[in-house]
Amino acid sequence: MVYLVTVSYYGCEYLRILIPTLPIEAPLIIINNAPDDREVENLEIEFSDRPLQILNPQQNLGFGQGCNLGLRYLYDLDPQALIWLINPDTYSRSINLQTLQDCFKESPQLSILGTTIYTPDDQLWFGGGQFIAQWGQIQEIDYRDRLISQNWVHCHWVSGCSLVINLANFATCPQFDPAYFLYYEDFDFCQRYRQQGHIIGITDRLSLYHRPSSITDRNPRHKLRHSTYSYLLTLQRYTSMVVLMVRLLRLVANIAWLWCYNPQASRGKWQGIQDWLGTKPWLHTKVF
C-alpha cells in the first residue's frame, strides 16, 4: 500500500493545488504544523471524494518531527507500506503509483527513493545528491543521463521534498532526528540510514514540480537562522574538526560582509551560529 504524507504550515493555498494532482486511490495524511490554522479542516470537505486525514499536533513540530508523526502513525497501521513524503508546495509532474510499486517490486533492497524535482518552468531543481566528507561538500548532482536507461541509480542523499520510504526494510519505524527543526534533516536522515547499510536511490520515472521556498521565504530571517544552525550541526556530525572550522570561519566572514547590505539576513545567520554553539559542539565533533 502507498500512503502520501505532507507537512503543512499555513499551506492550504498550496495544498489546494497539490491534492487534485495526486492519485485519488492513495490515502493522504496532512500534518497540520500550524495549530491555529483551522482552514486545513475545510480540505476534508472540499476533497471528500479522497481518502484524506489530518493530524493536528499541539505545536509546530518542524518538518522532520512533523514527518515523524506521520511515519509513526502509518508504521503502526501498515509496517510494510510505502510512504511518500511530499512538500505541500509541490504538484505532480509525473506520479504513477503502479510505476512506484513496480520499482520497489523489482528492487526490494531499495530503502529510500527520491524523485527528480522540477521548477514550474520545467527546469531541474533536484536530480540527486552526493556527499564528499573530506571536504564537507553536500552537492546536488544531475543523474538524468544515467537514468535514461535505468529505473533508478544509487546516490548519497535525496531531498525530503519528494522522498519515498520502504517501511518493509526497517526493523523499527524510521525517524528524522528531532535535533533538526528545518533544513538538512533529509540529508541527515539519508546519511544515518546509509551508514546502517540501507540503499538510497533517485529516479526520474516519477517527478514533481516545486515552487522553491514559497513557504519558508515568508520569514527570511528565521529561514537563515534554521538553515545555518542545521548546516553547522550537519558538518559537526559528518566531517572533521578542520573542515568544520574552515567552513565556520567562511560563514562568519560572510555574515560580516552581509551586514553592510542585508543586516536582517546577517542577524539570522548569526543567530543560527549562536544556536549551534549553545549545543556545545566541541563535546561531540569528530576529529579525524
C-alpha atoms as a PDB file:
ATOM      1  CA  MET A   1       0.000   0.000   0.000  1.00  0.00           C
ATOM      2  CA  VAL A   2       1.205   3.516  -0.819  1.00  0.00           C
ATOM      3  CA  TYR A   3       0.489   6.414   1.548  1.00  0.00           C
ATOM      4  CA  LEU A   4       1.230  10.075   0.922  1.00  0.00           C
ATOM      5  CA  VAL A   5       2.342  12.386   3.752  1.00  0.00           C
ATOM      6  CA  THR A   6       2.703  16.150   3.639  1.00  0.00           C
ATOM      7  CA  VAL A   7       3.630  18.586   6.412  1.00  0.00           C
ATOM      8  CA  SER A   8       1.771  21.880   6.156  1.00  0.00           C
ATOM      9  CA  TYR A   9       2.484  25.212   7.843  1.00  0.00           C
ATOM     10  CA  TYR A  10      -0.249  27.628   6.753  1.00  0.00           C
ATOM     11  CA  GLY A  11      -0.081  25.909   3.392  1.00  0.00           C
ATOM     12  CA  CYS A  12      -3.720  25.490   2.358  1.00  0.00           C
ATOM     13  CA  GLU A  13      -3.324  27.641  -0.751  1.00  0.00           C
ATOM     14  CA  TYR A  14      -0.674  25.204  -1.971  1.00  0.00           C
ATOM     15  CA  LEU A  15      -2.460  22.054  -0.838  1.00  0.00           C
ATOM     16  CA  ARG A  16      -5.458  23.023  -2.970  1.00  0.00           C
ATOM     17  CA  ILE A  17      -3.138  22.899  -5.967  1.00  0.00           C
ATOM     18  CA  LEU A  18      -1.312  19.728  -4.915  1.00  0.00           C
ATOM     19  CA  ILE A  19      -4.210  17.470  -3.901  1.00  0.00           C
ATOM     20  CA  PRO A  20      -6.048  17.319  -7.256  1.00  0.00           C
ATOM     21  CA  THR A  21      -2.802  16.213  -8.959  1.00  0.00           C
ATOM     22  CA  LEU A  22      -2.284  13.234  -6.630  1.00  0.00           C
ATOM     23  CA  PRO A  23      -3.575   9.715  -7.336  1.00  0.00           C
ATOM     24  CA  ILE A  24      -7.069   9.535  -5.873  1.00  0.00           C
ATOM     25  CA  GLU A  25      -6.573   5.977  -4.599  1.00  0.00           C
ATOM     26  CA  ALA A  26      -3.607   6.843  -2.345  1.00  0.00           C
ATOM     27  CA  PRO A  27      -4.502   7.957   1.206  1.00  0.00           C
ATOM     28  CA  LEU A  28      -3.102  11.394   2.020  1.00  0.00           C
ATOM     29  CA  ILE A  29      -2.044  12.281   5.570  1.00  0.00           C
ATOM     30  CA  ILE A  30      -1.697  16.012   6.255  1.00  0.00           C
ATOM     31  CA  ILE A  31       0.321  17.039   9.301  1.00  0.00           C
ATOM     32  CA  ASN A  32      -1.012  20.461  10.291  1.00  0.00           C
ATOM     33  CA  ASN A  33       2.030  22.181  11.792  1.00  0.00           C
ATOM     34  CA  ALA A  34       0.061  25.398  12.378  1.00  0.00           C
ATOM     35  CA  PRO A  35      -2.299  24.532  15.278  1.00  0.00           C
ATOM     36  CA  ASP A  36      -4.395  27.686  14.853  1.00  0.00           C
ATOM     37  CA  ASP A  37      -4.886  27.149  11.111  1.00  0.00           C
ATOM     38  CA  ARG A  38      -8.494  25.988  11.058  1.00  0.00           C
ATOM     39  CA  GLU A  39      -8.701  26.352   7.296  1.00  0.00           C
ATOM     40  CA  VAL A  40      -6.995  22.967   6.937  1.00  0.00           C
ATOM     41  CA  GLU A  41     -10.135  21.273   8.243  1.00  0.00           C
ATOM     42  CA  ASN A  42     -12.053  22.553   5.215  1.00  0.00           C
ATOM     43  CA  LEU A  43      -9.896  20.387   2.970  1.00  0.00           C
ATOM     44  CA  GLU A  44     -11.637  17.250   4.218  1.00  0.00           C
ATOM     45  CA  ILE A  45     -14.912  18.737   2.981  1.00  0.00           C
ATOM     46  CA  GLU A  46     -13.542  20.143  -0.279  1.00  0.00           C
ATOM     47  CA  PHE A  47     -11.882  16.838  -1.168  1.00  0.00           C
ATOM     48  CA  SER A  48     -14.435  14.480   0.360  1.00  0.00           C
ATOM     49  CA  ASP A  49     -14.025  12.112  -2.595  1.00  0.00           C
ATOM     50  CA  ARG A  50     -10.469  11.340  -1.459  1.00  0.00           C
ATOM     51  CA  PRO A  51      -9.045   9.315   1.445  1.00  0.00           C
ATOM     52  CA  LEU A  52      -7.649  12.294   3.316  1.00  0.00           C
ATOM     53  CA  GLN A  53      -6.796  12.549   7.001  1.00  0.00           C
ATOM     54  CA  ILE A  54      -5.457  15.443   9.067  1.00  0.00           C
ATOM     55  CA  LEU A  55      -3.224  15.001  12.120  1.00  0.00           C
ATOM     56  CA  ASN A  56      -3.057  18.014  14.436  1.00  0.00           C
ATOM     57  CA  PRO A  57      -0.059  18.260  16.785  1.00  0.00           C
ATOM     58  CA  GLN A  58      -0.355  20.801  19.573  1.00  0.00           C
ATOM     59  CA  GLN A  59       2.540  22.900  18.278  1.00  0.00           C
ATOM     60  CA  ASN A  60       4.729  23.496  15.246  1.00  0.00           C
ATOM     61  CA  LEU A  61       6.995  20.454  15.278  1.00  0.00           C
ATOM     62  CA  GLY A  62       9.203  21.495  12.384  1.00  0.00           C
ATOM     63  CA  PHE A  63       9.482  19.481   9.185  1.00  0.00           C
ATOM     64  CA  GLY A  64      11.321  16.422  10.491  1.00  0.00           C
ATOM     65  CA  GLN A  65       9.217  15.816  13.584  1.00  0.00           C
ATOM     66  CA  GLY A  66       6.083  16.515  11.568  1.00  0.00           C
ATOM     67  CA  CYS A  67       7.142  13.721   9.224  1.00  0.00           C
ATOM     68  CA  ASN A  68       7.875  11.526  12.251  1.00  0.00           C
ATOM     69  CA  LEU A  69       4.301  11.917  13.445  1.00  0.00           C
ATOM     70  CA  GLY A  70       3.008  10.664  10.114  1.00  0.00           C
ATOM     71  CA  LEU A  71       5.608   7.898   9.904  1.00  0.00           C
ATOM     72  CA  ARG A  72       4.757   6.525  13.364  1.00  0.00           C
ATOM     73  CA  TYR A  73       1.040   6.659  12.619  1.00  0.00           C
ATOM     74  CA  LEU A  74       1.426   4.741   9.359  1.00  0.00           C
ATOM     75  CA  TYR A  75       4.050   2.304  10.690  1.00  0.00           C
ATOM     76  CA  ASP A  76       1.559   1.179  13.342  1.00  0.00           C
ATOM     77  CA  LEU A  77      -1.089   0.871  10.644  1.00  0.00           C
ATOM     78  CA  ASP A  78       0.976  -0.931   7.987  1.00  0.00           C
ATOM     79  CA  PRO A  79       4.683  -1.673   8.638  1.00  0.00           C
ATOM     80  CA  GLN A  80       5.059  -2.949   5.041  1.00  0.00           C
ATOM     81  CA  ALA A  81       3.819   0.264   3.399  1.00  0.00           C
ATOM     82  CA  LEU A  82       5.499   2.637   1.002  1.00  0.00           C
ATOM     83  CA  ILE A  83       5.334   6.173   2.409  1.00  0.00           C
ATOM     84  CA  TRP A  84       5.821   9.074   0.037  1.00  0.00           C
ATOM     85  CA  LEU A  85       6.748  12.351   1.734  1.00  0.00           C
ATOM     86  CA  ILE A  86       5.696  15.275  -0.453  1.00  0.00           C
ATOM     87  CA  ASN A  87       6.065  19.000   0.218  1.00  0.00           C
ATOM     88  CA  PRO A  88       2.793  20.948   0.203  1.00  0.00           C
ATOM     89  CA  ASP A  89       4.194  23.498  -2.275  1.00  0.00           C
ATOM     90  CA  THR A  90       4.631  20.866  -4.989  1.00  0.00           C
ATOM     91  CA  TYR A  91       2.338  19.275  -7.552  1.00  0.00           C
ATOM     92  CA  SER A  92       2.538  16.318  -9.871  1.00  0.00           C
ATOM     93  CA  ARG A  93       4.720  16.289 -12.943  1.00  0.00           C
ATOM     94  CA  SER A  94       4.753  12.529 -13.266  1.00  0.00           C
ATOM     95  CA  ILE A  95       3.171  10.487 -10.472  1.00  0.00           C
ATOM     96  CA  ASN A  96       2.049   6.943 -11.149  1.00  0.00           C
ATOM     97  CA  LEU A  97       1.547   4.552  -8.234  1.00  0.00           C
ATOM     98  CA  GLN A  98       1.997   1.490 -10.402  1.00  0.00           C
ATOM     99  CA  THR A  99       5.374   2.772 -11.576  1.00  0.00           C
ATOM    100  CA  LEU A 100       6.347   3.370  -7.951  1.00  0.00           C
ATOM    101  CA  GLN A 101       5.248  -0.067  -6.784  1.00  0.00           C
ATOM    102  CA  ASP A 102       6.950  -1.764  -9.737  1.00  0.00           C
ATOM    103  CA  CYS A 103      10.196  -0.008  -8.886  1.00  0.00           C
ATOM    104  CA  PHE A 104      10.233  -1.420  -5.348  1.00  0.00           C
ATOM    105  CA  LYS A 105       8.990  -4.810  -6.518  1.00  0.00           C
ATOM    106  CA  GLU A 106      11.910  -5.062  -8.941  1.00  0.00           C
ATOM    107  CA  SER A 107      14.366  -3.672  -6.356  1.00  0.00           C
ATOM    108  CA  PRO A 108      13.166  -4.724  -2.885  1.00  0.00           C
ATOM    109  CA  GLN A 109      16.596  -3.866  -1.433  1.00  0.00           C
ATOM    110  CA  LEU A 110      15.863  -0.173  -2.034  1.00  0.00           C
ATOM    111  CA  SER A 111      15.014   1.549   1.259  1.00  0.00           C
ATOM    112  CA  ILE A 112      14.809   5.247   0.354  1.00  0.00           C
ATOM    113  CA  LEU A 113      13.943   6.590  -3.074  1.00  0.00           C
ATOM    114  CA  GLY A 114      13.986  10.227  -4.091  1.00  0.00           C
ATOM    115  CA  THR A 115      12.412  11.600  -7.228  1.00  0.00           C
ATOM    116  CA  THR A 116      13.619  14.289  -9.552  1.00  0.00           C
ATOM    117  CA  ILE A 117      12.087  17.689  -8.837  1.00  0.00           C
ATOM    118  CA  TYR A 118      11.485  20.495 -11.335  1.00  0.00           C
ATOM    119  CA  THR A 119      10.575  24.165 -11.133  1.00  0.00           C
ATOM    120  CA  PRO A 120       7.237  25.202 -12.652  1.00  0.00           C
ATOM    121  CA  ASP A 121       9.058  26.264 -15.849  1.00  0.00           C
ATOM    122  CA  ASP A 122      10.335  22.665 -16.164  1.00  0.00           C
ATOM    123  CA  GLN A 123      13.935  23.329 -15.122  1.00  0.00           C
ATOM    124  CA  LEU A 124      15.614  20.708 -12.948  1.00  0.00           C
ATOM    125  CA  TRP A 125      15.638  21.744  -9.284  1.00  0.00           C
ATOM    126  CA  PHE A 126      16.932  18.478  -7.769  1.00  0.00           C
ATOM    127  CA  GLY A 127      18.332  15.432  -9.511  1.00  0.00           C
ATOM    128  CA  GLY A 128      20.217  13.578  -6.772  1.00  0.00           C
ATOM    129  CA  GLY A 129      22.749  14.204  -4.016  1.00  0.00           C
ATOM    130  CA  GLN A 130      26.392  13.419  -3.347  1.00  0.00           C
ATOM    131  CA  PHE A 131      28.449  13.940  -0.201  1.00  0.00           C
ATOM    132  CA  ILE A 132      32.248  14.321  -0.060  1.00  0.00           C
ATOM    133  CA  ALA A 133      33.016  14.077   3.644  1.00  0.00           C
ATOM    134  CA  GLN A 134      36.711  15.056   3.497  1.00  0.00           C
ATOM    135  CA  TRP A 135      35.738  18.448   2.067  1.00  0.00           C
ATOM    136  CA  GLY A 136      32.358  18.834   3.707  1.00  0.00           C
ATOM    137  CA  GLN A 137      30.720  19.172   0.300  1.00  0.00           C
ATOM    138  CA  ILE A 138      26.988  18.473   0.177  1.00  0.00           C
ATOM    139  CA  GLN A 139      26.393  18.519  -3.554  1.00  0.00           C
ATOM    140  CA  GLU A 140      23.413  18.257  -5.846  1.00  0.00           C
ATOM    141  CA  ILE A 141      24.123  16.088  -8.905  1.00  0.00           C
ATOM    142  CA  ASP A 142      22.138  15.717 -12.118  1.00  0.00           C
ATOM    143  CA  TYR A 143      21.841  11.941 -12.619  1.00  0.00           C
ATOM    144  CA  ARG A 144      19.378  12.118 -15.506  1.00  0.00           C
ATOM    145  CA  ASP A 145      21.859  10.883 -18.128  1.00  0.00           C
ATOM    146  CA  ARG A 146      22.285   7.648 -16.178  1.00  0.00           C
ATOM    147  CA  LEU A 147      18.547   7.431 -15.533  1.00  0.00           C
ATOM    148  CA  ILE A 148      17.702   7.272 -19.228  1.00  0.00           C
ATOM    149  CA  SER A 149      18.378   3.530 -19.246  1.00  0.00           C
ATOM    150  CA  GLN A 150      17.703   2.705 -15.567  1.00  0.00           C
ATOM    151  CA  ASN A 151      14.699   2.958 -13.288  1.00  0.00           C
ATOM    152  CA  TRP A 152      16.879   4.362 -10.516  1.00  0.00           C
ATOM    153  CA  VAL A 153      20.522   4.862  -9.597  1.00  0.00           C
ATOM    154  CA  HIS A 154      22.394   4.945  -6.302  1.00  0.00           C
ATOM    155  CA  CYS A 155      23.056   8.298  -4.665  1.00  0.00           C
ATOM    156  CA  HIS A 156      24.149   9.518  -1.215  1.00  0.00           C
ATOM    157  CA  TRP A 157      21.089  11.571  -0.306  1.00  0.00           C
ATOM    158  CA  VAL A 158      17.768  12.760  -1.686  1.00  0.00           C
ATOM    159  CA  SER A 159      15.508  15.719  -0.995  1.00  0.00           C
ATOM    160  CA  GLY A 160      12.763  15.479   1.633  1.00  0.00           C
ATOM    161  CA  CYS A 161      10.648  17.474  -0.789  1.00  0.00           C
ATOM    162  CA  SER A 162       9.827  14.170  -2.522  1.00  0.00           C
ATOM    163  CA  LEU A 163      11.082  11.069  -0.716  1.00  0.00           C
ATOM    164  CA  VAL A 164       9.679   7.529  -0.622  1.00  0.00           C
ATOM    165  CA  ILE A 165      10.410   5.211   2.314  1.00  0.00           C
ATOM    166  CA  ASN A 166      10.081   1.437   2.027  1.00  0.00           C
ATOM    167  CA  LEU A 167       8.994   0.541   5.567  1.00  0.00           C
ATOM    168  CA  ALA A 168       9.462  -3.184   4.909  1.00  0.00           C
ATOM    169  CA  ASN A 169      13.239  -2.706   5.059  1.00  0.00           C
ATOM    170  CA  PHE A 170      13.244  -1.167   8.548  1.00  0.00           C
ATOM    171  CA  ALA A 171      13.158  -3.207  11.766  1.00  0.00           C
ATOM    172  CA  THR A 172      11.706  -0.196  13.587  1.00  0.00           C
ATOM    173  CA  CYS A 173       9.928   2.916  12.388  1.00  0.00           C
ATOM    174  CA  PRO A 174      12.423   5.184  10.564  1.00  0.00           C
ATOM    175  CA  GLN A 175      12.607   8.657  12.061  1.00  0.00           C
ATOM    176  CA  PHE A 176      14.084  12.064  11.318  1.00  0.00           C
ATOM    177  CA  ASP A 177      16.388  13.435  14.017  1.00  0.00           C
ATOM    178  CA  PRO A 178      14.441  15.896  16.225  1.00  0.00           C
ATOM    179  CA  ALA A 179      17.621  17.995  16.607  1.00  0.00           C
ATOM    180  CA  TYR A 180      16.728  19.455  13.202  1.00  0.00           C
ATOM    181  CA  PHE A 181      13.789  21.840  13.092  1.00  0.00           C
ATOM    182  CA  LEU A 182      14.176  22.815   9.451  1.00  0.00           C
ATOM    183  CA  TYR A 183      16.744  22.172   6.697  1.00  0.00           C
ATOM    184  CA  TYR A 184      19.304  19.367   6.287  1.00  0.00           C
ATOM    185  CA  GLU A 185      17.052  16.893   8.113  1.00  0.00           C
ATOM    186  CA  ASP A 186      16.670  14.960   4.852  1.00  0.00           C
ATOM    187  CA  PHE A 187      20.446  14.815   4.374  1.00  0.00           C
ATOM    188  CA  ASP A 188      20.943  13.606   7.959  1.00  0.00           C
ATOM    189  CA  PHE A 189      18.127  11.051   7.536  1.00  0.00           C
ATOM    190  CA  CYS A 190      19.798   9.618   4.452  1.00  0.00           C
ATOM    191  CA  GLN A 191      23.293   9.598   5.959  1.00  0.00           C
ATOM    192  CA  ARG A 192      22.236   7.839   9.160  1.00  0.00           C
ATOM    193  CA  TYR A 193      20.414   5.076   7.337  1.00  0.00           C
ATOM    194  CA  ARG A 194      23.037   4.798   4.601  1.00  0.00           C
ATOM    195  CA  GLN A 195      25.642   4.200   7.311  1.00  0.00           C
ATOM    196  CA  GLN A 196      23.430   1.366   8.584  1.00  0.00           C
ATOM    197  CA  GLY A 197      23.552  -0.275   5.156  1.00  0.00           C
ATOM    198  CA  HIS A 198      20.296   0.983   3.655  1.00  0.00           C
ATOM    199  CA  ILE A 199      20.261   1.669  -0.082  1.00  0.00           C
ATOM    200  CA  ILE A 200      19.274   5.116  -1.330  1.00  0.00           C
ATOM    201  CA  GLY A 201      18.341   5.901  -4.917  1.00  0.00           C
ATOM    202  CA  ILE A 202      16.993   8.576  -7.236  1.00  0.00           C
ATOM    203  CA  THR A 203      14.523   8.110 -10.093  1.00  0.00           C
ATOM    204  CA  ASP A 204      13.252  10.228 -12.969  1.00  0.00           C
ATOM    205  CA  ARG A 205      10.341   7.872 -13.662  1.00  0.00           C
ATOM    206  CA  LEU A 206       8.462   9.869 -11.020  1.00  0.00           C
ATOM    207  CA  SER A 207       8.793  13.611 -10.593  1.00  0.00           C
ATOM    208  CA  LEU A 208       7.214  16.705  -9.086  1.00  0.00           C
ATOM    209  CA  TYR A 209       7.027  20.408  -9.770  1.00  0.00           C
ATOM    210  CA  HIS A 210       8.155  22.562  -6.848  1.00  0.00           C
ATOM    211  CA  ARG A 211       7.945  26.256  -6.013  1.00  0.00           C
ATOM    212  CA  PRO A 212      11.204  26.586  -4.012  1.00  0.00           C
ATOM    213  CA  SER A 213      10.963  28.315  -0.609  1.00  0.00           C
ATOM    214  CA  SER A 214       7.428  29.539  -1.269  1.00  0.00           C
ATOM    215  CA  ILE A 215       6.532  28.925   2.390  1.00  0.00           C
ATOM    216  CA  THR A 216       9.859  29.434   4.192  1.00  0.00           C
ATOM    217  CA  ASP A 217      10.535  32.728   2.393  1.00  0.00           C
ATOM    218  CA  ARG A 218       7.679  34.283   4.367  1.00  0.00           C
ATOM    219  CA  ASN A 219      10.207  34.842   7.168  1.00  0.00           C
ATOM    220  CA  PRO A 220      13.721  35.066   5.654  1.00  0.00           C
ATOM    221  CA  ARG A 221      15.463  35.759   8.958  1.00  0.00           C
ATOM    222  CA  HIS A 222      14.068  32.640  10.619  1.00  0.00           C
ATOM    223  CA  LYS A 223      14.835  30.658   7.484  1.00  0.00           C
ATOM    224  CA  LEU A 224      18.500  31.676   7.627  1.00  0.00           C
ATOM    225  CA  ARG A 225      18.654  31.034  11.363  1.00  0.00           C
ATOM    226  CA  HIS A 226      17.397  27.459  10.984  1.00  0.00           C
ATOM    227  CA  SER A 227      19.427  26.710   7.845  1.00  0.00           C
ATOM    228  CA  THR A 228      22.667  28.000   9.415  1.00  0.00           C
ATOM    229  CA  TYR A 229      22.181  26.002  12.610  1.00  0.00           C
ATOM    230  CA  SER A 230      21.299  22.838  10.687  1.00  0.00           C
ATOM    231  CA  TYR A 231      24.228  23.280   8.298  1.00  0.00           C
ATOM    232  CA  LEU A 232      26.734  23.518  11.161  1.00  0.00           C
ATOM    233  CA  LEU A 233      25.140  20.595  13.003  1.00  0.00           C
ATOM    234  CA  THR A 234      25.461  18.511   9.844  1.00  0.00           C
ATOM    235  CA  LEU A 235      29.120  19.413   9.328  1.00  0.00           C
ATOM    236  CA  GLN A 236      29.771  18.652  13.002  1.00  0.00           C
ATOM    237  CA  ARG A 237      28.334  15.160  12.561  1.00  0.00           C
ATOM    238  CA  TYR A 238      29.729  14.145   9.201  1.00  0.00           C
ATOM    239  CA  THR A 239      33.035  15.987   8.648  1.00  0.00           C
ATOM    240  CA  SER A 240      36.287  16.582  10.524  1.00  0.00           C
ATOM    241  CA  MET A 241      37.032  19.360  13.015  1.00  0.00           C
ATOM    242  CA  VAL A 242      39.348  21.009  10.461  1.00  0.00           C
ATOM    243  CA  VAL A 243      36.668  21.143   7.771  1.00  0.00           C
ATOM    244  CA  LEU A 244      34.096  22.371  10.281  1.00  0.00           C
ATOM    245  CA  MET A 245      36.330  25.215  11.493  1.00  0.00           C
ATOM    246  CA  VAL A 246      37.259  26.325   7.975  1.00  0.00           C
ATOM    247  CA  ARG A 247      33.625  26.482   6.922  1.00  0.00           C
ATOM    248  CA  LEU A 248      32.634  28.210  10.156  1.00  0.00           C
ATOM    249  CA  LEU A 249      35.228  30.937   9.538  1.00  0.00           C
ATOM    250  CA  ARG A 250      33.952  31.387   5.986  1.00  0.00           C
ATOM    251  CA  LEU A 251      30.437  31.675   7.345  1.00  0.00           C
ATOM    252  CA  VAL A 252      31.472  34.329   9.890  1.00  0.00           C
ATOM    253  CA  ALA A 253      33.205  36.298   7.126  1.00  0.00           C
ATOM    254  CA  ASN A 254      30.058  36.103   5.027  1.00  0.00           C
ATOM    255  CA  ILE A 255      27.963  37.372   7.949  1.00  0.00           C
ATOM    256  CA  ALA A 256      30.303  40.365   8.401  1.00  0.00           C
ATOM    257  CA  TRP A 257      30.120  41.222   4.694  1.00  0.00           C
ATOM    258  CA  LEU A 258      26.359  40.716   4.598  1.00  0.00           C
ATOM    259  CA  TRP A 259      25.847  43.145   7.493  1.00  0.00           C
ATOM    260  CA  CYS A 260      26.548  46.072   5.168  1.00  0.00           C
ATOM    261  CA  TYR A 261      23.905  45.050   2.629  1.00  0.00           C
ATOM    262  CA  ASN A 262      21.315  42.963   4.424  1.00  0.00           C
ATOM    263  CA  PRO A 263      21.522  43.239   8.233  1.00  0.00           C
ATOM    264  CA  GLN A 264      18.388  41.126   8.742  1.00  0.00           C
ATOM    265  CA  ALA A 265      19.949  38.215   6.871  1.00  0.00           C
ATOM    266  CA  SER A 266      23.201  38.748   8.744  1.00  0.00           C
ATOM    267  CA  ARG A 267      21.372  38.607  12.084  1.00  0.00           C
ATOM    268  CA  GLY A 268      19.543  35.435  11.046  1.00  0.00           C
ATOM    269  CA  LYS A 269      22.794  33.628  10.224  1.00  0.00           C
ATOM    270  CA  TRP A 270      24.467  34.868  13.404  1.00  0.00           C
ATOM    271  CA  GLN A 271      21.540  33.602  15.486  1.00  0.00           C
ATOM    272  CA  GLY A 272      21.980  30.221  13.799  1.00  0.00           C
ATOM    273  CA  ILE A 273      25.630  30.127  14.882  1.00  0.00           C
ATOM    274  CA  GLN A 274      24.635  31.057  18.425  1.00  0.00           C
ATOM    275  CA  ASP A 275      22.017  28.281  18.483  1.00  0.00           C
ATOM    276  CA  TRP A 276      24.638  25.799  17.340  1.00  0.00           C
ATOM    277  CA  LEU A 277      27.215  26.969  19.889  1.00  0.00           C
ATOM    278  CA  GLY A 278      24.557  26.510  22.568  1.00  0.00           C
ATOM    279  CA  THR A 279      24.619  22.758  21.873  1.00  0.00           C
ATOM    280  CA  LYS A 280      28.315  22.655  22.980  1.00  0.00           C
ATOM    281  CA  PRO A 281      29.514  21.159  19.663  1.00  0.00           C
ATOM    282  CA  TRP A 282      33.088  20.741  20.917  1.00  0.00           C
ATOM    283  CA  LEU A 283      31.826  17.839  23.048  1.00  0.00           C
ATOM    284  CA  HIS A 284      30.577  15.921  20.030  1.00  0.00           C
ATOM    285  CA  THR A 285      32.623  16.844  16.959  1.00  0.00           C
ATOM    286  CA  LYS A 286      34.667  14.056  15.415  1.00  0.00           C
ATOM    287  CA  VAL A 287      38.385  14.548  14.850  1.00  0.00           C
ATOM    288  CA  PHE A 288      39.913  12.501  12.059  1.00  0.00           C
END
